C-alpha cells in the first residue's frame, strides 16, 4: 500500500474556471477502466510544458513540443493510458496525429491546438481507433469539477489517484490552482517526470508562466526518484485560463512570487505523492545534502544514495546497514571530497563523523528509526553553503512482482 497516502476527496479538488475535464472507458488495454481523458481549455488559455530528455521520447512528446512551439493557442489535451506510443517510429507519430485530428474535429479547433499524451507499455502500436472511439463519451461528460475522475483516468500502476488544490488572493481576486499527476514506477527526473497537469484560473502572461513551470519543476518533480529510470513519456503541463479577473501577472508583478510559490507547492505535493505511491513502496525517504560547494554536487550525493538498490533494500528490511550510505557518498563523483569532514545523520541521530562511525551512535537507534515509514537521511558535507532535498522510496518484493507482471 502507498506510504501514508490516500486518494483525495472529489470535493477537495477545486474547479478551475475555463478548464473542463471528461473521461471515457475505451478499452485501450483493459476493460472497465477509465483510460481516455480530454481536458478542454477556454480560448485565451496560456499553456507551458516541460518534457523528458530521454532521446527515445514518445511520439506524443514530439508532437507536444512541436505544437507548443507553433503558438497557435492550445485548446485541449488528450491523454490515454494503457499504451505509451513510444518506440513506435513514424507510425506512432501518425497515430498520435490522428488522435489530435479526431478530437480537433469534435471540438471545432485545429489539430495543432491539441496536445496528446500517452502512458503505458513501450514498443507497442497505439490502438488509435479505440482512443478515437472513446472521444464522444469523454466530451459528453466534460465538467469543471471532474478532477478526481481525471486523476483516475491517467493512472497506470498507481494504486491511488493523485491530486490537490490551493486557493489564494491575488490582486483582490480569488485564484484557484488544481493539479493531478500519475506515476509510480520508471520515475526519475530529467526536466520533468511522469504525467502531471496543473491548472489555474489566474491571469498570467506566457513569459511568466514559463518561468513558473521551470521554478516549480525544479522544486518538485526534479527532486524525486523511485527507481532511477527516466521514462520516454514524462511530461508536465501548467495551464492558466486567465479567468479569475485579476490583472495579468508578469514576472515583474508584485503577485508573481505568491503565484509561483503556490504552484510550486501543488507540484511538490504531487511529486511526493508519486514517491509515496512508488511501486511496492513501504518507506518514504527524504534525503537532504547540506554544505556543498554547488547544488550539482549535492544532487550527485543525494541521488547516489537514493538510487542505490543496496540502500533501498536495506530500508525495506529496516536494517541499519548504514555503511552502504557512506559507500554511496564516496562514489557519488566528488573527486576532492574530504570524508573526514562530513557527517551523516539518520533522523536526528549522528551516525558517522571523522571518516567513520560516530562514537555516540548505537545500532539500536538506527534500527528504531528505520522501522518508521517516513525517514530522513541527512548528509552534511561541510564544503560550502549549497543544499538540496530529494524524495525517494525503498525497494520491496512487490516492486519486482509489479514490474515482472507489467505487460500481462
Protein backbone atom coordinates (compact mmCIF):
# COMPACT_ATOMS: atom_id res chain seq x y z
CA UNK A 1 0.00 0.00 0.00
CA UNK A 2 1.14 3.60 -0.52
CA UNK A 3 3.10 5.19 2.32
CA UNK A 4 0.73 7.47 4.24
CA UNK A 5 -1.16 8.38 1.07
CA UNK A 6 -4.85 8.18 0.26
CA UNK A 7 -6.79 9.35 -2.76
CA UNK A 8 -8.19 12.89 -2.48
CA UNK A 9 -11.88 13.50 -1.93
CA UNK A 10 -13.62 14.72 -5.10
CA UNK A 11 -14.80 17.88 -3.33
CA UNK A 12 -11.25 18.78 -2.31
CA UNK A 13 -10.17 19.15 -5.95
CA UNK A 14 -11.50 22.59 -6.74
CA UNK A 15 -12.90 23.54 -10.17
CA UNK A 16 -10.78 25.91 -12.24
CA UNK A 17 -12.76 28.36 -14.35
CA UNK A 18 -12.17 27.74 -18.05
CA UNK A 19 -10.89 24.18 -17.63
CA UNK A 20 -13.24 21.25 -18.28
CA UNK A 21 -12.37 17.57 -17.95
CA UNK A 22 -14.06 14.46 -19.36
CA UNK A 23 -13.15 10.78 -19.41
CA UNK A 24 -14.07 7.56 -21.17
CA UNK A 25 -13.58 3.81 -20.79
CA UNK A 26 -12.18 2.96 -24.21
CA UNK A 27 -10.59 -0.46 -23.53
CA UNK A 28 -7.19 0.80 -24.70
CA UNK A 29 -5.63 -2.12 -22.81
CA UNK A 30 -8.06 -3.41 -20.20
CA UNK A 31 -11.86 -3.30 -19.93
CA UNK A 32 -13.88 -1.40 -17.34
CA UNK A 33 -11.32 1.27 -16.51
CA UNK A 34 -11.06 4.97 -17.26
CA UNK A 35 -8.31 5.25 -19.86
CA UNK A 36 -9.02 8.29 -22.04
CA UNK A 37 -9.04 11.85 -20.71
CA UNK A 38 -9.95 15.07 -22.51
CA UNK A 39 -9.13 18.46 -20.99
CA UNK A 40 -10.85 21.34 -22.79
CA UNK A 41 -9.39 24.82 -22.31
CA UNK A 42 -11.13 28.15 -22.74
CA UNK A 43 -9.91 30.34 -25.56
CA UNK A 44 -7.04 32.54 -24.40
CA UNK A 45 -5.57 29.97 -22.00
CA UNK A 46 -1.79 30.11 -21.76
CA UNK A 47 0.00 26.74 -21.63
CA UNK A 48 3.59 25.80 -20.76
CA UNK A 49 5.22 22.39 -20.68
CA UNK A 50 8.42 20.55 -19.77
CA UNK A 51 9.22 17.08 -21.03
CA UNK A 52 11.52 14.09 -20.69
CA UNK A 53 15.06 14.33 -22.03
CA UNK A 54 15.03 10.63 -22.91
CA UNK A 55 16.28 10.50 -26.52
CA UNK A 56 13.73 7.74 -27.21
CA UNK A 57 10.93 10.12 -26.28
CA UNK A 58 7.42 9.05 -27.22
CA UNK A 59 5.52 10.23 -30.30
CA UNK A 60 3.11 12.41 -28.27
CA UNK A 61 6.06 14.18 -26.61
CA UNK A 62 7.43 15.06 -30.05
CA UNK A 63 4.06 16.44 -31.13
CA UNK A 64 3.55 18.37 -27.88
CA UNK A 65 6.85 20.17 -28.32
CA UNK A 66 6.03 20.93 -31.94
CA UNK A 67 2.52 22.22 -31.21
CA UNK A 68 3.62 24.38 -28.29
CA UNK A 69 6.29 25.96 -30.49
CA UNK A 70 3.67 26.94 -33.09
CA UNK A 71 1.97 29.22 -30.51
CA UNK A 72 -1.45 28.76 -32.08
CA UNK A 73 -3.22 28.71 -28.72
CA UNK A 74 -3.69 25.30 -27.09
CA UNK A 75 -7.37 24.46 -26.60
CA UNK A 76 -7.35 20.81 -25.49
CA UNK A 77 -5.28 18.00 -24.02
CA UNK A 78 -5.84 14.34 -24.86
CA UNK A 79 -4.43 11.60 -22.62
CA UNK A 80 -4.61 7.83 -22.98
CA UNK A 81 -3.33 5.16 -20.62
CA UNK A 82 -2.54 1.54 -21.42
CA UNK A 83 -0.14 2.34 -24.25
CA UNK A 84 2.87 4.70 -24.30
CA UNK A 85 3.10 5.11 -28.09
CA UNK A 86 6.90 5.14 -27.59
CA UNK A 87 9.42 3.26 -29.66
CA UNK A 88 6.85 3.28 -32.46
CA UNK A 89 8.65 5.37 -35.09
CA UNK A 90 6.87 7.19 -37.88
CA UNK A 91 3.75 5.08 -37.44
CA UNK A 92 3.48 6.25 -33.84
CA UNK A 93 3.62 9.87 -34.92
CA UNK A 94 0.86 9.26 -37.47
CA UNK A 95 -1.36 7.61 -34.86
CA UNK A 96 -0.80 10.43 -32.36
CA UNK A 97 -1.60 12.96 -35.09
CA UNK A 98 -4.78 11.05 -35.97
CA UNK A 99 -5.97 11.26 -32.37
CA UNK A 100 -5.36 15.03 -32.36
CA UNK A 101 -7.23 15.44 -35.64
CA UNK A 102 -10.19 13.44 -34.34
CA UNK A 103 -10.51 15.48 -31.15
CA UNK A 104 -9.99 18.74 -33.02
CA UNK A 105 -12.82 17.85 -35.39
CA UNK A 106 -15.20 17.16 -32.50
CA UNK A 107 -14.27 20.40 -30.70
CA UNK A 108 -14.10 22.53 -33.86
CA UNK A 109 -10.48 23.56 -33.30
CA UNK A 110 -7.21 22.98 -35.16
CA UNK A 111 -5.22 19.71 -34.71
CA UNK A 112 -2.15 21.64 -33.52
CA UNK A 113 -4.29 23.13 -30.74
CA UNK A 114 -4.50 19.63 -29.16
CA UNK A 115 -1.65 18.32 -27.01
CA UNK A 116 -1.51 14.47 -26.96
CA UNK A 117 -0.16 12.35 -24.10
CA UNK A 118 0.20 8.60 -23.71
CA UNK A 119 1.37 6.34 -20.89
CA UNK A 120 1.71 2.58 -20.61
CA UNK A 121 3.67 -0.13 -22.39
CA UNK A 122 6.51 0.90 -24.73
CA UNK A 123 7.19 -0.57 -28.19
CA UNK A 124 3.57 -1.41 -28.99
CA UNK A 125 1.37 0.39 -31.58
CA UNK A 126 -1.20 2.79 -30.18
CA UNK A 127 -4.75 1.42 -30.71
CA UNK A 128 -5.79 4.80 -32.03
CA UNK A 129 -9.21 3.54 -33.18
CA UNK A 130 -10.10 2.74 -29.57
CA UNK A 131 -8.90 6.14 -28.38
CA UNK A 132 -10.93 7.92 -31.07
CA UNK A 133 -13.98 5.80 -30.33
CA UNK A 134 -13.84 6.97 -26.70
CA UNK A 135 -13.77 10.67 -27.51
CA UNK A 136 -17.53 11.30 -27.79
CA UNK A 137 -18.11 9.87 -24.31
CA UNK A 138 -15.25 11.93 -22.88
CA UNK A 139 -16.61 15.10 -24.47
CA UNK A 140 -20.14 14.33 -23.26
CA UNK A 141 -19.06 14.44 -19.60
CA UNK A 142 -16.79 17.50 -19.78
CA UNK A 143 -17.14 19.33 -16.47
CA UNK A 144 -15.06 21.75 -14.41
CA UNK A 145 -15.49 19.62 -11.28
CA UNK A 146 -14.28 16.35 -12.84
CA UNK A 147 -10.74 16.44 -11.43
CA UNK A 148 -10.90 13.21 -9.42
CA UNK A 149 -12.22 11.25 -12.40
CA UNK A 150 -9.45 12.83 -14.46
CA UNK A 151 -6.83 11.76 -11.91
CA UNK A 152 -8.16 8.21 -12.06
CA UNK A 153 -8.21 8.23 -15.87
CA UNK A 154 -4.44 8.79 -16.13
CA UNK A 155 -3.37 6.04 -13.70
CA UNK A 156 -1.31 3.02 -14.78
CA UNK A 157 0.39 1.06 -11.98
CA UNK A 158 -0.62 3.75 -9.48
CA UNK A 159 -2.60 2.43 -6.53
CA UNK A 160 -4.31 5.73 -5.69
CA UNK A 161 -5.24 8.82 -7.67
CA UNK A 162 -3.15 11.92 -7.00
CA UNK A 163 -4.47 15.46 -6.87
CA UNK A 164 -4.51 18.63 -4.78
CA UNK A 165 -5.78 22.22 -4.84
CA UNK A 166 -4.87 25.63 -3.47
CA UNK A 167 -6.69 28.97 -3.31
CA UNK A 168 -5.20 32.39 -2.71
CA UNK A 169 -6.00 36.07 -3.17
CA UNK A 170 -4.17 37.91 -5.95
CA UNK A 171 -4.99 41.49 -6.80
CA UNK A 172 -8.13 41.27 -4.70
CA UNK A 173 -9.41 38.25 -6.66
CA UNK A 174 -9.77 34.63 -5.56
CA UNK A 175 -7.42 32.43 -7.60
CA UNK A 176 -7.67 28.63 -7.75
CA UNK A 177 -4.92 26.13 -8.56
CA UNK A 178 -5.66 22.41 -9.03
CA UNK A 179 -3.31 19.70 -10.18
CA UNK A 180 -3.23 15.96 -10.82
CA UNK A 181 -0.42 13.58 -11.62
CA UNK A 182 0.29 9.93 -12.29
CA UNK A 183 3.44 7.97 -11.67
CA UNK A 184 4.56 5.00 -9.64
CA UNK A 185 7.49 3.36 -11.41
CA UNK A 186 10.04 4.36 -14.07
CA UNK A 187 10.33 7.59 -12.13
CA UNK A 188 13.49 9.69 -12.27
CA UNK A 189 13.55 13.37 -13.16
CA UNK A 190 15.09 14.90 -16.23
CA UNK A 191 13.39 18.29 -16.66
CA UNK A 192 10.05 16.69 -15.87
CA UNK A 193 8.82 13.32 -14.77
CA UNK A 194 5.62 11.23 -15.05
CA UNK A 195 2.46 12.91 -16.32
CA UNK A 196 1.29 15.99 -14.47
CA UNK A 197 -1.33 18.63 -15.19
CA UNK A 198 -1.69 21.81 -13.13
CA UNK A 199 -4.29 24.47 -13.94
CA UNK A 200 -5.03 27.90 -12.54
CA UNK A 201 -7.65 30.49 -13.44
CA UNK A 202 -5.21 33.32 -12.73
CA UNK A 203 -4.38 35.77 -15.50
CA UNK A 204 -0.71 35.11 -16.21
CA UNK A 205 1.43 36.15 -19.15
CA UNK A 206 3.00 33.39 -21.23
CA UNK A 207 6.50 34.53 -20.28
CA UNK A 208 5.65 34.47 -16.57
CA UNK A 209 4.08 31.02 -16.90
CA UNK A 210 7.29 29.70 -18.50
CA UNK A 211 9.30 30.98 -15.52
CA UNK A 212 6.81 29.48 -13.08
CA UNK A 213 6.84 25.98 -14.59
CA UNK A 214 10.62 25.76 -14.57
CA UNK A 215 10.79 27.01 -10.98
CA UNK A 216 8.09 24.59 -9.87
CA UNK A 217 9.55 21.53 -11.62
CA UNK A 218 12.99 22.13 -10.12
CA UNK A 219 11.46 22.34 -6.65
CA UNK A 220 9.35 19.21 -7.08
CA UNK A 221 9.43 16.70 -9.92
CA UNK A 222 13.15 17.22 -10.42
CA UNK A 223 13.64 16.18 -6.79
CA UNK A 224 12.08 12.71 -6.82
CA UNK A 225 13.18 9.25 -7.82
CA UNK A 226 11.63 5.82 -7.43
CA UNK A 227 13.93 3.58 -9.44
CA UNK A 228 16.37 5.73 -11.41
CA UNK A 229 14.68 5.15 -14.79
CA UNK A 230 13.71 8.18 -16.87
CA UNK A 231 10.55 7.42 -18.82
CA UNK A 232 10.07 8.05 -22.52
CA UNK A 233 6.81 9.93 -21.86
CA UNK A 234 7.47 12.23 -18.90
CA UNK A 235 5.51 15.49 -19.23
CA UNK A 236 4.34 18.33 -17.01
CA UNK A 237 1.85 20.90 -18.25
CA UNK A 238 0.80 24.12 -16.49
CA UNK A 239 -2.29 25.95 -17.78
CA UNK A 240 -3.56 29.45 -16.95
CA UNK A 241 -7.10 30.12 -18.15
CA UNK A 242 -6.93 33.88 -17.36
CA UNK A 243 -10.48 33.88 -15.96
CA UNK A 244 -10.01 34.84 -12.30
CA UNK A 245 -10.42 38.56 -13.04
CA UNK A 246 -7.05 39.63 -11.65
CA UNK A 247 -4.71 41.97 -13.50
CA UNK A 248 -2.35 39.94 -15.70
CA UNK A 249 0.64 38.73 -13.73
CA UNK A 250 4.06 39.18 -15.29
CA UNK A 251 7.45 38.21 -13.91
CA UNK A 252 7.75 41.76 -12.58
CA UNK A 253 4.34 41.84 -10.84
CA UNK A 254 4.04 42.07 -7.09
CA UNK A 255 1.88 38.91 -7.12
CA UNK A 256 4.30 36.85 -9.20
CA UNK A 257 6.16 35.24 -6.29
CA UNK A 258 2.96 34.31 -4.46
CA UNK A 259 1.53 32.56 -7.51
CA UNK A 260 4.84 30.89 -8.30
CA UNK A 261 5.17 29.55 -4.76
CA UNK A 262 1.57 28.31 -4.72
CA UNK A 263 2.00 26.41 -7.98
CA UNK A 264 5.30 25.01 -6.70
CA UNK A 265 3.53 23.85 -3.51
CA UNK A 266 0.99 21.96 -5.64
CA UNK A 267 3.81 20.43 -7.68
CA UNK A 268 5.71 19.38 -4.54
CA UNK A 269 2.65 17.67 -3.07
CA UNK A 270 2.02 15.82 -6.34
CA UNK A 271 5.67 14.83 -6.65
CA UNK A 272 5.82 13.48 -3.11
CA UNK A 273 2.59 11.57 -3.73
CA UNK A 274 4.27 9.78 -6.63
CA UNK A 275 7.08 8.61 -4.36
CA UNK A 276 4.65 7.58 -1.60
CA UNK A 277 2.84 5.51 -4.25
CA UNK A 278 6.08 4.12 -5.67
CA UNK A 279 5.71 0.57 -6.93
CA UNK A 280 5.80 -1.64 -3.85
CA UNK A 281 6.94 1.19 -1.58
CA UNK A 282 6.79 0.74 2.19
CA UNK A 283 9.08 3.63 3.23
CA UNK A 284 9.18 7.31 2.20
CA UNK A 285 12.70 8.68 2.45
CA UNK A 286 13.80 12.31 2.46
CA UNK A 287 17.44 12.72 1.52
CA UNK A 288 18.98 16.09 2.38
CA UNK A 289 22.54 17.02 1.45
CA UNK A 290 23.87 20.21 3.01
CA UNK A 291 27.08 22.20 2.93
CA UNK A 292 28.07 21.52 -0.66
CA UNK A 293 30.18 23.72 -2.90
CA UNK A 294 27.45 23.59 -5.55
CA UNK A 295 23.89 22.36 -5.94
CA UNK A 296 25.17 19.95 -8.59
CA UNK A 297 27.49 18.11 -6.20
CA UNK A 298 24.74 17.99 -3.59
CA UNK A 299 22.47 16.35 -6.18
CA UNK A 300 25.20 13.83 -7.04
CA UNK A 301 25.39 12.69 -3.42
CA UNK A 302 21.62 12.71 -2.91
CA UNK A 303 20.93 10.60 -5.99
CA UNK A 304 23.81 8.21 -5.28
CA UNK A 305 22.02 7.42 -2.03
CA UNK A 306 18.50 7.42 -3.46
CA UNK A 307 19.36 5.19 -6.45
CA UNK A 308 21.35 2.53 -4.62
CA UNK A 309 19.47 -0.80 -4.64
CA UNK A 310 21.55 -1.86 -1.63
CA UNK A 311 20.41 1.15 0.38
CA UNK A 312 16.80 0.91 -0.77
CA UNK A 313 16.54 -2.79 0.11
CA UNK A 314 18.16 -2.16 3.50
CA UNK A 315 15.47 0.41 4.27
CA UNK A 316 12.79 -2.05 3.21
CA UNK A 317 14.23 -4.59 5.68
CA UNK A 318 14.63 -1.92 8.40
CA UNK A 319 18.27 -2.99 8.54
CA UNK A 320 20.62 -0.20 9.75
CA UNK A 321 23.40 -1.30 7.39
CA UNK A 322 24.40 2.33 7.10
CA UNK A 323 27.85 1.69 5.70
CA UNK A 324 26.04 1.38 2.38
CA UNK A 325 25.19 5.09 2.61
CA UNK A 326 28.83 6.00 3.23
CA UNK A 327 29.84 3.92 0.21
CA UNK A 328 27.30 5.76 -1.98
CA UNK A 329 28.56 9.14 -0.80
CA UNK A 330 32.08 8.02 -1.65
CA UNK A 331 31.26 7.01 -5.24
CA UNK A 332 28.97 9.97 -5.97
CA UNK A 333 31.66 11.64 -8.07
CA UNK A 334 33.14 14.39 -5.87
CA UNK A 335 36.83 13.81 -6.51
CA UNK A 336 38.13 16.13 -3.79
CA UNK A 337 35.64 15.09 -1.11
CA UNK A 338 37.14 15.08 2.40
CA UNK A 339 35.34 12.15 4.03
CA UNK A 340 36.76 13.12 7.43
CA UNK A 341 34.91 16.45 7.30
CA UNK A 342 31.37 15.20 6.65
CA UNK A 343 28.64 14.00 8.99
CA UNK A 344 25.87 11.50 8.32
CA UNK A 345 22.60 11.64 10.27
CA UNK A 346 19.68 9.22 10.32
CA UNK A 347 16.79 11.29 11.56
CA UNK A 348 18.38 13.41 14.29
CA UNK A 349 20.90 10.71 15.22
CA UNK A 350 24.55 11.29 14.27
CA UNK A 351 25.74 8.08 12.62
CA UNK A 352 29.14 8.91 11.15
CA UNK A 353 31.82 11.60 11.52
CA UNK A 354 35.60 11.91 11.25
CA UNK A 355 35.64 9.30 8.50
CA UNK A 356 33.88 6.56 10.47
CA UNK A 357 31.19 5.55 12.94
CA UNK A 358 30.23 8.26 15.42
CA UNK A 359 31.31 7.36 18.95
CA UNK A 360 27.83 8.20 20.26
CA UNK A 361 25.94 6.07 17.73
CA UNK A 362 24.17 2.89 18.87
CA UNK A 363 22.76 0.45 16.32
CA UNK A 364 19.55 0.26 18.32
CA UNK A 365 18.99 3.93 17.45
CA UNK A 366 19.34 3.24 13.74
CA UNK A 367 17.11 0.18 13.90
CA UNK A 368 14.35 2.15 15.64
CA UNK A 369 14.39 4.94 13.04
CA UNK A 370 14.43 2.53 10.11
CA UNK A 371 11.21 0.90 11.31
CA UNK A 372 9.39 4.18 10.72
CA UNK A 373 7.52 4.78 7.47
CA UNK A 374 8.94 8.30 6.97
CA UNK A 375 12.71 8.53 7.31
CA UNK A 376 15.21 11.39 6.99
CA UNK A 377 18.75 10.81 5.72
CA UNK A 378 20.88 13.91 6.22
CA UNK A 379 24.41 14.40 4.89
CA UNK A 380 26.47 17.45 5.89
CA UNK A 381 29.43 17.84 3.54
CA UNK A 382 30.93 20.93 5.23
CA UNK A 383 32.32 22.21 1.92
CA UNK A 384 30.14 25.25 1.25
CA UNK A 385 26.64 26.70 1.58
CA UNK A 386 24.60 24.85 -1.08
CA UNK A 387 21.98 22.21 -0.25
CA UNK A 388 19.36 20.01 -1.90
CA UNK A 389 16.45 17.84 -0.74
CA UNK A 390 15.07 14.94 -2.74
CA UNK A 391 12.49 12.26 -2.01
CA UNK A 392 12.64 8.55 -2.74
CA UNK A 393 11.30 5.21 -1.50
CA UNK A 394 12.54 1.73 -0.66
CA UNK A 395 12.63 -1.38 -2.86
CA UNK A 396 10.36 -4.21 -1.73
CA UNK A 397 9.49 -7.65 -3.08
CA UNK A 398 6.40 -6.11 -4.65
CA UNK A 399 8.47 -3.78 -6.86
CA UNK A 400 9.85 -6.86 -8.63
CA UNK A 401 6.43 -8.51 -8.83
CA UNK A 402 4.74 -5.41 -10.27
CA UNK A 403 7.34 -4.91 -12.97
CA UNK A 404 7.68 -8.60 -13.78
CA UNK A 405 3.92 -8.73 -14.45
CA UNK A 406 3.59 -5.28 -16.08
CA UNK A 407 2.74 -6.46 -19.60
CA UNK A 408 0.39 -9.24 -18.54
